Amino acid sequence: MYAIVSSGGKQYKVQKGEILRVEKISGDIGAPVSFDKILMFSDGENVNIGRPVLEDISVNGHIVEQNKAKKIIVFKYKRRKKYRRKQGHRQQYTAIKIDSILQNN
C-alpha cells in the first residue's frame, strides 16, 4: 500500500512506517502532520488516481526531526572578467514518519 503526496511543490511516494524528508513544515518534534494533497493511492490491487486530488484518502504521520541539510556551494563565475562569487546554502527540512494511510469510504 502506497500513496503519492504533494508537499512543498514536490511529489513523494510514501508507505506506512517510512521516514520522509520534506521542505520545512512548522511544528515541534512529535507533532502530528496530515497531508491534504493526495495525488494517487494504491492498495496493491487497485490504483486510484486523483483529478487533481483524492478526497477520501488521508495520510497521517508525525514529525521526528527539524534540521538543516548538508551545505551546498553556489559558485558564480564569468571567464576573463574577474568575476567570482562563492556562497554556501543549507536548506531546512522536516523529517516525517508516516503512521497511516487510510481510505475513508
PDB file of N, CA and C in Angstrom:
ATOM      1  N   MET A   1       0.845  -1.167   0.000  1.00  0.00           N
ATOM      2  CA  MET A   1       0.000   0.000   0.000  1.00  0.00           C
ATOM      3  C   MET A   1       0.894   1.233   0.000  1.00  0.00           C
ATOM      4  N   TYR A   2       0.642   2.136  -0.946  1.00  0.00           N
ATOM      5  CA  TYR A   2       1.414   3.368  -1.009  1.00  0.00           C
ATOM      6  C   TYR A   2       0.535   4.483  -1.559  1.00  0.00           C
ATOM      7  N   ALA A   3       1.047   5.706  -1.406  1.00  0.00           N
ATOM      8  CA  ALA A   3       0.343   6.876  -1.912  1.00  0.00           C
ATOM      9  C   ALA A   3       1.370   7.863  -2.447  1.00  0.00           C
ATOM     10  N   ILE A   4       0.933   8.709  -3.354  1.00  0.00           N
ATOM     11  CA  ILE A   4       1.749   9.809  -3.852  1.00  0.00           C
ATOM     12  C   ILE A   4       1.158  11.090  -3.274  1.00  0.00           C
ATOM     13  N   VAL A   5       1.983  11.836  -2.500  1.00  0.00           N
ATOM     14  CA  VAL A   5       1.519  13.066  -1.875  1.00  0.00           C
ATOM     15  C   VAL A   5       2.330  14.236  -2.409  1.00  0.00           C
ATOM     16  N   SER A   6       1.752  15.417  -2.312  1.00  0.00           N
ATOM     17  CA  SER A   6       2.419  16.637  -2.741  1.00  0.00           C
ATOM     18  C   SER A   6       2.640  17.512  -1.513  1.00  0.00           C
ATOM     19  N   SER A   7       3.885  17.986  -1.351  1.00  0.00           N
ATOM     20  CA  SER A   7       4.223  18.864  -0.231  1.00  0.00           C
ATOM     21  C   SER A   7       5.386  19.749  -0.641  1.00  0.00           C
ATOM     22  N   GLY A   8       5.237  21.042  -0.442  1.00  0.00           N
ATOM     23  CA  GLY A   8       6.317  21.961  -0.768  1.00  0.00           C
ATOM     24  C   GLY A   8       6.623  22.043  -2.249  1.00  0.00           C
ATOM     25  N   GLY A   9       5.628  21.789  -3.097  1.00  0.00           N
ATOM     26  CA  GLY A   9       5.831  21.858  -4.531  1.00  0.00           C
ATOM     27  C   GLY A   9       6.490  20.633  -5.132  1.00  0.00           C
ATOM     28  N   LYS A  10       6.695  19.595  -4.327  1.00  0.00           N
ATOM     29  CA  LYS A  10       7.314  18.362  -4.799  1.00  0.00           C
ATOM     30  C   LYS A  10       6.371  17.191  -4.528  1.00  0.00           C
ATOM     31  N   GLN A  11       6.592  16.089  -5.236  1.00  0.00           N
ATOM     32  CA  GLN A  11       5.766  14.909  -5.063  1.00  0.00           C
ATOM     33  C   GLN A  11       6.599  13.787  -4.469  1.00  0.00           C
ATOM     34  N   TYR A  12       6.010  13.038  -3.523  1.00  0.00           N
ATOM     35  CA  TYR A  12       6.712  11.979  -2.812  1.00  0.00           C
ATOM     36  C   TYR A  12       5.865  10.714  -2.788  1.00  0.00           C
ATOM     37  N   LYS A  13       6.518   9.578  -2.949  1.00  0.00           N
ATOM     38  CA  LYS A  13       5.856   8.286  -2.784  1.00  0.00           C
ATOM     39  C   LYS A  13       6.054   7.877  -1.331  1.00  0.00           C
ATOM     40  N   VAL A  14       4.963   7.604  -0.609  1.00  0.00           N
ATOM     41  CA  VAL A  14       5.048   7.281   0.812  1.00  0.00           C
ATOM     42  C   VAL A  14       4.417   5.923   1.089  1.00  0.00           C
ATOM     43  N   GLN A  15       4.991   5.219   2.061  1.00  0.00           N
ATOM     44  CA  GLN A  15       4.444   3.972   2.567  1.00  0.00           C
ATOM     45  C   GLN A  15       4.420   4.051   4.080  1.00  0.00           C
ATOM     46  N   LYS A  16       3.594   3.232   4.696  1.00  0.00           N
ATOM     47  CA  LYS A  16       3.483   3.225   6.147  1.00  0.00           C
ATOM     48  C   LYS A  16       4.811   2.815   6.770  1.00  0.00           C
ATOM     49  N   GLY A  17       5.248   3.576   7.782  1.00  0.00           N
ATOM     50  CA  GLY A  17       6.453   3.247   8.525  1.00  0.00           C
ATOM     51  C   GLY A  17       7.723   3.888   8.006  1.00  0.00           C
ATOM     52  N   GLU A  18       7.701   4.508   6.822  1.00  0.00           N
ATOM     53  CA  GLU A  18       8.930   5.102   6.297  1.00  0.00           C
ATOM     54  C   GLU A  18       9.079   6.544   6.767  1.00  0.00           C
ATOM     55  N   ILE A  19      10.320   7.034   6.730  1.00  0.00           N
ATOM     56  CA  ILE A  19      10.625   8.401   7.124  1.00  0.00           C
ATOM     57  C   ILE A  19      10.831   9.220   5.860  1.00  0.00           C
ATOM     58  N   LEU A  20      10.143  10.346   5.777  1.00  0.00           N
ATOM     59  CA  LEU A  20      10.112  11.193   4.595  1.00  0.00           C
ATOM     60  C   LEU A  20      10.714  12.554   4.942  1.00  0.00           C
ATOM     61  N   ARG A  21      11.648  13.035   4.116  1.00  0.00           N
ATOM     62  CA  ARG A  21      12.235  14.363   4.316  1.00  0.00           C
ATOM     63  C   ARG A  21      11.621  15.328   3.319  1.00  0.00           C
ATOM     64  N   VAL A  22      10.895  16.334   3.837  1.00  0.00           N
ATOM     65  CA  VAL A  22      10.206  17.311   3.003  1.00  0.00           C
ATOM     66  C   VAL A  22      10.712  18.709   3.337  1.00  0.00           C
ATOM     67  N   GLU A  23      10.300  19.688   2.527  1.00  0.00           N
ATOM     68  CA  GLU A  23      10.604  21.081   2.828  1.00  0.00           C
ATOM     69  C   GLU A  23      10.066  21.409   4.221  1.00  0.00           C
ATOM     70  N   LYS A  24      10.688  22.386   4.874  1.00  0.00           N
ATOM     71  CA  LYS A  24      10.353  22.690   6.261  1.00  0.00           C
ATOM     72  C   LYS A  24       8.860  22.946   6.462  1.00  0.00           C
ATOM     73  N   ILE A  25       8.302  22.239   7.449  1.00  0.00           N
ATOM     74  CA  ILE A  25       6.928  22.424   7.906  1.00  0.00           C
ATOM     75  C   ILE A  25       7.016  22.865   9.357  1.00  0.00           C
ATOM     76  N   SER A  26       6.309  23.917   9.713  1.00  0.00           N
ATOM     77  CA  SER A  26       6.379  24.396  11.090  1.00  0.00           C
ATOM     78  C   SER A  26       5.713  23.398  12.032  1.00  0.00           C
ATOM     79  N   GLY A  27       6.323  23.214  13.194  1.00  0.00           N
ATOM     80  CA  GLY A  27       5.793  22.299  14.196  1.00  0.00           C
ATOM     81  C   GLY A  27       6.917  21.732  15.040  1.00  0.00           C
ATOM     82  N   ASP A  28       6.571  21.253  16.216  1.00  0.00           N
ATOM     83  CA  ASP A  28       7.557  20.667  17.128  1.00  0.00           C
ATOM     84  C   ASP A  28       7.710  19.182  16.840  1.00  0.00           C
ATOM     85  N   ILE A  29       8.787  18.619  17.383  1.00  0.00           N
ATOM     86  CA  ILE A  29       9.017  17.177  17.245  1.00  0.00           C
ATOM     87  C   ILE A  29       7.895  16.442  17.976  1.00  0.00           C
ATOM     88  N   GLY A  30       7.309  15.460  17.305  1.00  0.00           N
ATOM     89  CA  GLY A  30       6.197  14.704  17.865  1.00  0.00           C
ATOM     90  C   GLY A  30       4.833  15.232  17.453  1.00  0.00           C
ATOM     91  N   ALA A  31       4.792  16.406  16.820  1.00  0.00           N
ATOM     92  CA  ALA A  31       3.514  16.982  16.404  1.00  0.00           C
ATOM     93  C   ALA A  31       2.934  16.196  15.225  1.00  0.00           C
ATOM     94  N   PRO A  32       1.622  15.991  15.216  1.00  0.00           N
ATOM     95  CA  PRO A  32       1.016  15.240  14.103  1.00  0.00           C
ATOM     96  C   PRO A  32       0.977  16.072  12.819  1.00  0.00           C
ATOM     97  N   VAL A  33       1.104  15.372  11.693  1.00  0.00           N
ATOM     98  CA  VAL A  33       1.062  16.006  10.374  1.00  0.00           C
ATOM     99  C   VAL A  33       0.137  15.184   9.494  1.00  0.00           C
ATOM    100  N   SER A  34      -0.713  15.852   8.746  1.00  0.00           N
ATOM    101  CA  SER A  34      -1.545  15.143   7.771  1.00  0.00           C
ATOM    102  C   SER A  34      -1.390  15.844   6.429  1.00  0.00           C
ATOM    103  N   PHE A  35      -1.300  15.047   5.375  1.00  0.00           N
ATOM    104  CA  PHE A  35      -1.159  15.580   4.029  1.00  0.00           C
ATOM    105  C   PHE A  35      -2.546  15.696   3.409  1.00  0.00           C
ATOM    106  N   ASP A  36      -2.829  16.848   2.790  1.00  0.00           N
ATOM    107  CA  ASP A  36      -4.147  17.047   2.200  1.00  0.00           C
ATOM    108  C   ASP A  36      -4.144  16.871   0.691  1.00  0.00           C
ATOM    109  N   LYS A  37      -3.000  16.919   0.041  1.00  0.00           N
ATOM    110  CA  LYS A  37      -2.936  16.741  -1.410  1.00  0.00           C
ATOM    111  C   LYS A  37      -2.447  15.332  -1.728  1.00  0.00           C
ATOM    112  N   ILE A  38      -3.363  14.387  -1.812  1.00  0.00           N
ATOM    113  CA  ILE A  38      -3.038  13.008  -2.181  1.00  0.00           C
ATOM    114  C   ILE A  38      -3.334  12.876  -3.679  1.00  0.00           C
ATOM    115  N   LEU A  39      -2.300  12.605  -4.469  1.00  0.00           N
ATOM    116  CA  LEU A  39      -2.458  12.560  -5.918  1.00  0.00           C
ATOM    117  C   LEU A  39      -2.792  11.167  -6.435  1.00  0.00           C
ATOM    118  N   MET A  40      -2.316  10.123  -5.723  1.00  0.00           N
ATOM    119  CA  MET A  40      -2.550   8.758  -6.165  1.00  0.00           C
ATOM    120  C   MET A  40      -2.522   7.832  -4.962  1.00  0.00           C
ATOM    121  N   PHE A  41      -3.281   6.737  -5.039  1.00  0.00           N
ATOM    122  CA  PHE A  41      -3.316   5.747  -3.964  1.00  0.00           C
ATOM    123  C   PHE A  41      -3.400   4.363  -4.578  1.00  0.00           C
ATOM    124  N   SER A  42      -2.611   3.435  -4.031  1.00  0.00           N
ATOM    125  CA  SER A  42      -2.649   2.048  -4.485  1.00  0.00           C
ATOM    126  C   SER A  42      -2.680   1.147  -3.265  1.00  0.00           C
ATOM    127  N   ASP A  43      -3.615   0.175  -3.259  1.00  0.00           N
ATOM    128  CA  ASP A  43      -3.690  -0.774  -2.157  1.00  0.00           C
ATOM    129  C   ASP A  43      -3.098  -2.127  -2.528  1.00  0.00           C
ATOM    130  N   GLY A  44      -2.395  -2.208  -3.646  1.00  0.00           N
ATOM    131  CA  GLY A  44      -1.805  -3.460  -4.087  1.00  0.00           C
ATOM    132  C   GLY A  44      -2.542  -4.072  -5.258  1.00  0.00           C
ATOM    133  N   GLU A  45      -3.848  -3.879  -5.308  1.00  0.00           N
ATOM    134  CA  GLU A  45      -4.660  -4.402  -6.408  1.00  0.00           C
ATOM    135  C   GLU A  45      -5.230  -3.271  -7.257  1.00  0.00           C
ATOM    136  N   ASN A  46      -5.827  -2.296  -6.585  1.00  0.00           N
ATOM    137  CA  ASN A  46      -6.477  -1.185  -7.283  1.00  0.00           C
ATOM    138  C   ASN A  46      -5.634   0.073  -7.179  1.00  0.00           C
ATOM    139  N   VAL A  47      -5.672   0.873  -8.234  1.00  0.00           N
ATOM    140  CA  VAL A  47      -4.964   2.150  -8.254  1.00  0.00           C
ATOM    141  C   VAL A  47      -5.987   3.251  -8.463  1.00  0.00           C
ATOM    142  N   ASN A  48      -6.006   4.232  -7.546  1.00  0.00           N
ATOM    143  CA  ASN A  48      -6.900   5.381  -7.671  1.00  0.00           C
ATOM    144  C   ASN A  48      -6.052   6.605  -7.990  1.00  0.00           C
ATOM    145  N   ILE A  49      -6.399   7.295  -9.061  1.00  0.00           N
ATOM    146  CA  ILE A  49      -5.677   8.492  -9.464  1.00  0.00           C
ATOM    147  C   ILE A  49      -6.612   9.680  -9.311  1.00  0.00           C
ATOM    148  N   GLY A  50      -6.133  10.716  -8.627  1.00  0.00           N
ATOM    149  CA  GLY A  50      -6.953  11.894  -8.386  1.00  0.00           C
ATOM    150  C   GLY A  50      -6.969  12.818  -9.583  1.00  0.00           C
ATOM    151  N   ARG A  51      -8.077  13.537  -9.714  1.00  0.00           N
ATOM    152  CA  ARG A  51      -8.190  14.519 -10.787  1.00  0.00           C
ATOM    153  C   ARG A  51      -8.671  15.828 -10.201  1.00  0.00           C
ATOM    154  N   PRO A  52      -7.871  16.663  -9.608  1.00  0.00           N
ATOM    155  CA  PRO A  52      -6.431  16.551  -9.418  1.00  0.00           C
ATOM    156  C   PRO A  52      -6.018  15.844  -8.126  1.00  0.00           C
ATOM    157  N   VAL A  53      -6.889  15.828  -7.097  1.00  0.00           N
ATOM    158  CA  VAL A  53      -6.521  15.179  -5.834  1.00  0.00           C
ATOM    159  C   VAL A  53      -7.625  14.203  -5.418  1.00  0.00           C
ATOM    160  N   LEU A  54      -7.254  13.287  -4.510  1.00  0.00           N
ATOM    161  CA  LEU A  54      -8.211  12.337  -3.942  1.00  0.00           C
ATOM    162  C   LEU A  54      -8.722  12.892  -2.621  1.00  0.00           C
ATOM    163  N   GLU A  55     -10.031  12.854  -2.429  1.00  0.00           N
ATOM    164  CA  GLU A  55     -10.630  13.409  -1.217  1.00  0.00           C
ATOM    165  C   GLU A  55     -10.819  12.364  -0.125  1.00  0.00           C
ATOM    166  N   ASP A  56     -10.944  11.076  -0.478  1.00  0.00           N
ATOM    167  CA  ASP A  56     -11.282  10.047   0.500  1.00  0.00           C
ATOM    168  C   ASP A  56     -10.065   9.299   1.054  1.00  0.00           C
ATOM    169  N   ILE A  57      -8.873   9.788   0.808  1.00  0.00           N
ATOM    170  CA  ILE A  57      -7.642   9.174   1.329  1.00  0.00           C
ATOM    171  C   ILE A  57      -6.984  10.155   2.286  1.00  0.00           C
ATOM    172  N   SER A  58      -6.475   9.650   3.412  1.00  0.00           N
ATOM    173  CA  SER A  58      -5.747  10.504   4.345  1.00  0.00           C
ATOM    174  C   SER A  58      -4.416   9.844   4.693  1.00  0.00           C
ATOM    175  N   VAL A  59      -3.359  10.635   4.663  1.00  0.00           N
ATOM    176  CA  VAL A  59      -2.016  10.182   5.028  1.00  0.00           C
ATOM    177  C   VAL A  59      -1.616  10.958   6.270  1.00  0.00           C
ATOM    178  N   ASN A  60      -1.341  10.229   7.365  1.00  0.00           N
ATOM    179  CA  ASN A  60      -1.015  10.846   8.644  1.00  0.00           C
ATOM    180  C   ASN A  60       0.365  10.410   9.101  1.00  0.00           C
ATOM    181  N   GLY A  61       1.028  11.296   9.819  1.00  0.00           N
ATOM    182  CA  GLY A  61       2.344  10.991  10.364  1.00  0.00           C
ATOM    183  C   GLY A  61       2.662  11.938  11.504  1.00  0.00           C
ATOM    184  N   HIS A  62       3.906  11.887  11.967  1.00  0.00           N
ATOM    185  CA  HIS A  62       4.346  12.818  12.998  1.00  0.00           C
ATOM    186  C   HIS A  62       5.783  13.236  12.714  1.00  0.00           C
ATOM    187  N   ILE A  63       6.146  14.416  13.207  1.00  0.00           N
ATOM    188  CA  ILE A  63       7.464  14.994  12.963  1.00  0.00           C
ATOM    189  C   ILE A  63       8.484  14.307  13.865  1.00  0.00           C
ATOM    190  N   VAL A  64       9.579  13.838  13.269  1.00  0.00           N
ATOM    191  CA  VAL A  64      10.641  13.209  14.053  1.00  0.00           C
ATOM    192  C   VAL A  64      11.911  14.049  14.082  1.00  0.00           C
ATOM    193  N   GLU A  65      12.041  15.021  13.166  1.00  0.00           N
ATOM    194  CA  GLU A  65      13.266  15.827  13.138  1.00  0.00           C
ATOM    195  C   GLU A  65      13.018  17.127  12.387  1.00  0.00           C
ATOM    196  N   GLN A  66      13.599  18.206  12.918  1.00  0.00           N
ATOM    197  CA  GLN A  66      13.664  19.505  12.238  1.00  0.00           C
ATOM    198  C   GLN A  66      15.143  19.841  12.146  1.00  0.00           C
ATOM    199  N   ASN A  67      15.688  19.979  10.936  1.00  0.00           N
ATOM    200  CA  ASN A  67      17.127  20.153  10.808  1.00  0.00           C
ATOM    201  C   ASN A  67      17.457  20.869   9.511  1.00  0.00           C
ATOM    202  N   LYS A  68      18.769  21.015   9.253  1.00  0.00           N
ATOM    203  CA  LYS A  68      19.251  21.577   8.000  1.00  0.00           C
ATOM    204  C   LYS A  68      20.006  20.500   7.240  1.00  0.00           C
ATOM    205  N   ALA A  69      19.910  20.530   5.908  1.00  0.00           N
ATOM    206  CA  ALA A  69      20.619  19.572   5.063  1.00  0.00           C
ATOM    207  C   ALA A  69      22.095  19.943   4.983  1.00  0.00           C
ATOM    208  N   LYS A  70      22.872  19.112   4.303  1.00  0.00           N
ATOM    209  CA  LYS A  70      24.287  19.389   4.128  1.00  0.00           C
ATOM    210  C   LYS A  70      24.468  20.656   3.291  1.00  0.00           C
ATOM    211  N   LYS A  71      25.591  21.314   3.497  1.00  0.00           N
ATOM    212  CA  LYS A  71      25.865  22.562   2.802  1.00  0.00           C
ATOM    213  C   LYS A  71      26.164  22.307   1.330  1.00  0.00           C
ATOM    214  N   ILE A  72      25.595  23.161   0.490  1.00  0.00           N
ATOM    215  CA  ILE A  72      25.953  23.151  -0.919  1.00  0.00           C
ATOM    216  C   ILE A  72      26.651  24.474  -1.233  1.00  0.00           C
ATOM    217  N   ILE A  73      27.518  24.456  -2.220  1.00  0.00           N
ATOM    218  CA  ILE A  73      28.260  25.639  -2.621  1.00  0.00           C
ATOM    219  C   ILE A  73      27.635  26.195  -3.898  1.00  0.00           C
ATOM    220  N   VAL A  74      27.294  27.488  -3.869  1.00  0.00           N
ATOM    221  CA  VAL A  74      26.787  28.180  -5.051  1.00  0.00           C
ATOM    222  C   VAL A  74      27.930  29.041  -5.552  1.00  0.00           C
ATOM    223  N   PHE A  75      28.454  28.748  -6.736  1.00  0.00           N
ATOM    224  CA  PHE A  75      29.617  29.447  -7.273  1.00  0.00           C
ATOM    225  C   PHE A  75      29.271  30.044  -8.624  1.00  0.00           C
ATOM    226  N   LYS A  76      29.360  31.372  -8.706  1.00  0.00           N
ATOM    227  CA  LYS A  76      29.107  32.078  -9.964  1.00  0.00           C
ATOM    228  C   LYS A  76      30.449  32.528 -10.524  1.00  0.00           C
ATOM    229  N   TYR A  77      30.595  32.416 -11.842  1.00  0.00           N
ATOM    230  CA  TYR A  77      31.887  32.672 -12.462  1.00  0.00           C
ATOM    231  C   TYR A  77      31.675  33.159 -13.890  1.00  0.00           C
ATOM    232  N   LYS A  78      32.369  34.231 -14.261  1.00  0.00           N
ATOM    233  CA  LYS A  78      32.381  34.683 -15.648  1.00  0.00           C
ATOM    234  C   LYS A  78      33.838  34.746 -16.087  1.00  0.00           C
ATOM    235  N   ARG A  79      34.151  34.031 -17.126  1.00  0.00           N
ATOM    236  CA  ARG A  79      35.532  33.943 -17.555  1.00  0.00           C
ATOM    237  C   ARG A  79      36.030  35.270 -18.118  1.00  0.00           C
ATOM    238  N   ARG A  80      37.282  35.537 -17.879  1.00  0.00           N
ATOM    239  CA  ARG A  80      38.018  36.708 -18.373  1.00  0.00           C
ATOM    240  C   ARG A  80      37.487  38.038 -17.845  1.00  0.00           C
ATOM    241  N   LYS A  81      36.632  38.033 -16.855  1.00  0.00           N
ATOM    242  CA  LYS A  81      36.053  39.277 -16.345  1.00  0.00           C
ATOM    243  C   LYS A  81      36.371  39.519 -14.875  1.00  0.00           C
ATOM    244  N   LYS A  82      37.151  38.636 -14.261  1.00  0.00           N
ATOM    245  CA  LYS A  82      37.495  38.726 -12.829  1.00  0.00           C
ATOM    246  C   LYS A  82      36.238  38.773 -11.951  1.00  0.00           C
ATOM    247  N   TYR A  83      35.248  37.962 -12.314  1.00  0.00           N
ATOM    248  CA  TYR A  83      34.002  37.901 -11.559  1.00  0.00           C
ATOM    249  C   TYR A  83      33.848  36.511 -10.965  1.00  0.00           C
ATOM    250  N   ARG A  84      33.900  36.440  -9.651  1.00  0.00           N
ATOM    251  CA  ARG A  84      33.713  35.175  -8.930  1.00  0.00           C
ATOM    252  C   ARG A  84      32.916  35.471  -7.665  1.00  0.00           C
ATOM    253  N   ARG A  85      31.876  34.696  -7.429  1.00  0.00           N
ATOM    254  CA  ARG A  85      31.090  34.821  -6.198  1.00  0.00           C
ATOM    255  C   ARG A  85      30.876  33.424  -5.631  1.00  0.00           C
ATOM    256  N   LYS A  86      31.220  33.251  -4.364  1.00  0.00           N
ATOM    257  CA  LYS A  86      31.059  31.962  -3.700  1.00  0.00           C
ATOM    258  C   LYS A  86      30.117  32.149  -2.522  1.00  0.00           C
ATOM    259  N   GLN A  87      29.128  31.279  -2.464  1.00  0.00           N
ATOM    260  CA  GLN A  87      28.136  31.376  -1.401  1.00  0.00           C
ATOM    261  C   GLN A  87      27.720  29.970  -1.005  1.00  0.00           C
ATOM    262  N   GLY A  88      27.504  29.744   0.279  1.00  0.00           N
ATOM    263  CA  GLY A  88      27.031  28.461   0.775  1.00  0.00           C
ATOM    264  C   GLY A  88      25.553  28.539   1.132  1.00  0.00           C
ATOM    265  N   HIS A  89      24.894  27.381   1.148  1.00  0.00           N
ATOM    266  CA  HIS A  89      23.472  27.336   1.485  1.00  0.00           C
ATOM    267  C   HIS A  89      23.150  26.010   2.160  1.00  0.00           C
ATOM    268  N   ARG A  90      22.369  26.066   3.238  1.00  0.00           N
ATOM    269  CA  ARG A  90      21.867  24.870   3.911  1.00  0.00           C
ATOM    270  C   ARG A  90      20.353  24.954   3.948  1.00  0.00           C
ATOM    271  N   GLN A  91      19.692  24.042   3.243  1.00  0.00           N
ATOM    272  CA  GLN A  91      18.235  24.040   3.152  1.00  0.00           C
ATOM    273  C   GLN A  91      17.635  23.391   4.401  1.00  0.00           C
ATOM    274  N   GLN A  92      16.621  24.015   4.965  1.00  0.00           N
ATOM    275  CA  GLN A  92      15.945  23.437   6.123  1.00  0.00           C
ATOM    276  C   GLN A  92      14.971  22.355   5.662  1.00  0.00           C
ATOM    277  N   TYR A  93      14.834  21.299   6.466  1.00  0.00           N
ATOM    278  CA  TYR A  93      13.915  20.220   6.137  1.00  0.00           C
ATOM    279  C   TYR A  93      13.229  19.713   7.394  1.00  0.00           C
ATOM    280  N   THR A  94      12.172  18.958   7.177  1.00  0.00           N
ATOM    281  CA  THR A  94      11.427  18.300   8.244  1.00  0.00           C
ATOM    282  C   THR A  94      11.359  16.819   7.915  1.00  0.00           C
ATOM    283  N   ALA A  95      11.728  15.973   8.859  1.00  0.00           N
ATOM    284  CA  ALA A  95      11.622  14.524   8.685  1.00  0.00           C
ATOM    285  C   ALA A  95      10.315  14.072   9.331  1.00  0.00           C
ATOM    286  N   ILE A  96       9.514  13.356   8.547  1.00  0.00           N
ATOM    287  CA  ILE A  96       8.191  12.916   8.997  1.00  0.00           C
ATOM    288  C   ILE A  96       8.117  11.403   8.898  1.00  0.00           C
ATOM    289  N   LYS A  97       7.675  10.758   9.982  1.00  0.00           N
ATOM    290  CA  LYS A  97       7.433   9.320   9.956  1.00  0.00           C
ATOM    291  C   LYS A  97       5.966   9.084   9.628  1.00  0.00           C
ATOM    292  N   ILE A  98       5.703   8.294   8.588  1.00  0.00           N
ATOM    293  CA  ILE A  98       4.338   8.032   8.137  1.00  0.00           C
ATOM    294  C   ILE A  98       3.722   6.969   9.048  1.00  0.00           C
ATOM    295  N   ASP A  99       2.634   7.339   9.731  1.00  0.00           N
ATOM    296  CA  ASP A  99       1.968   6.426  10.656  1.00  0.00           C
ATOM    297  C   ASP A  99       0.874   5.611   9.968  1.00  0.00           C
ATOM    298  N   SER A 100       0.106   6.231   9.095  1.00  0.00           N
ATOM    299  CA  SER A 100      -1.018   5.508   8.483  1.00  0.00           C
ATOM    300  C   SER A 100      -1.405   6.111   7.145  1.00  0.00           C
ATOM    301  N   ILE A 101      -1.914   5.236   6.293  1.00  0.00           N
ATOM    302  CA  ILE A 101      -2.549   5.637   5.039  1.00  0.00           C
ATOM    303  C   ILE A 101      -3.954   5.032   5.089  1.00  0.00           C
ATOM    304  N   LEU A 102      -4.942   5.879   5.246  1.00  0.00           N
ATOM    305  CA  LEU A 102      -6.315   5.411   5.462  1.00  0.00           C
ATOM    306  C   LEU A 102      -7.211   5.761   4.285  1.00  0.00           C
ATOM    307  N   GLN A 103      -8.099   4.816   3.956  1.00  0.00           N
ATOM    308  CA  GLN A 103      -9.082   5.048   2.915  1.00  0.00           C
ATOM    309  C   GLN A 103     -10.436   5.219   3.587  1.00  0.00           C
ATOM    310  N   ASN A 104     -10.990   6.415   3.490  1.00  0.00           N
ATOM    311  CA  ASN A 104     -12.273   6.745   4.123  1.00  0.00           C
ATOM    312  C   ASN A 104     -13.376   6.502   3.115  1.00  0.00           C
ATOM    313  N   ASN A 105     -14.142   5.435   3.285  1.00  0.00           N
ATOM    314  CA  ASN A 105     -15.225   5.127   2.337  1.00  0.00           C
ATOM    315  C   ASN A 105     -16.525   5.723   2.763  1.00  0.00           C
TER     316      ASN A 105
END
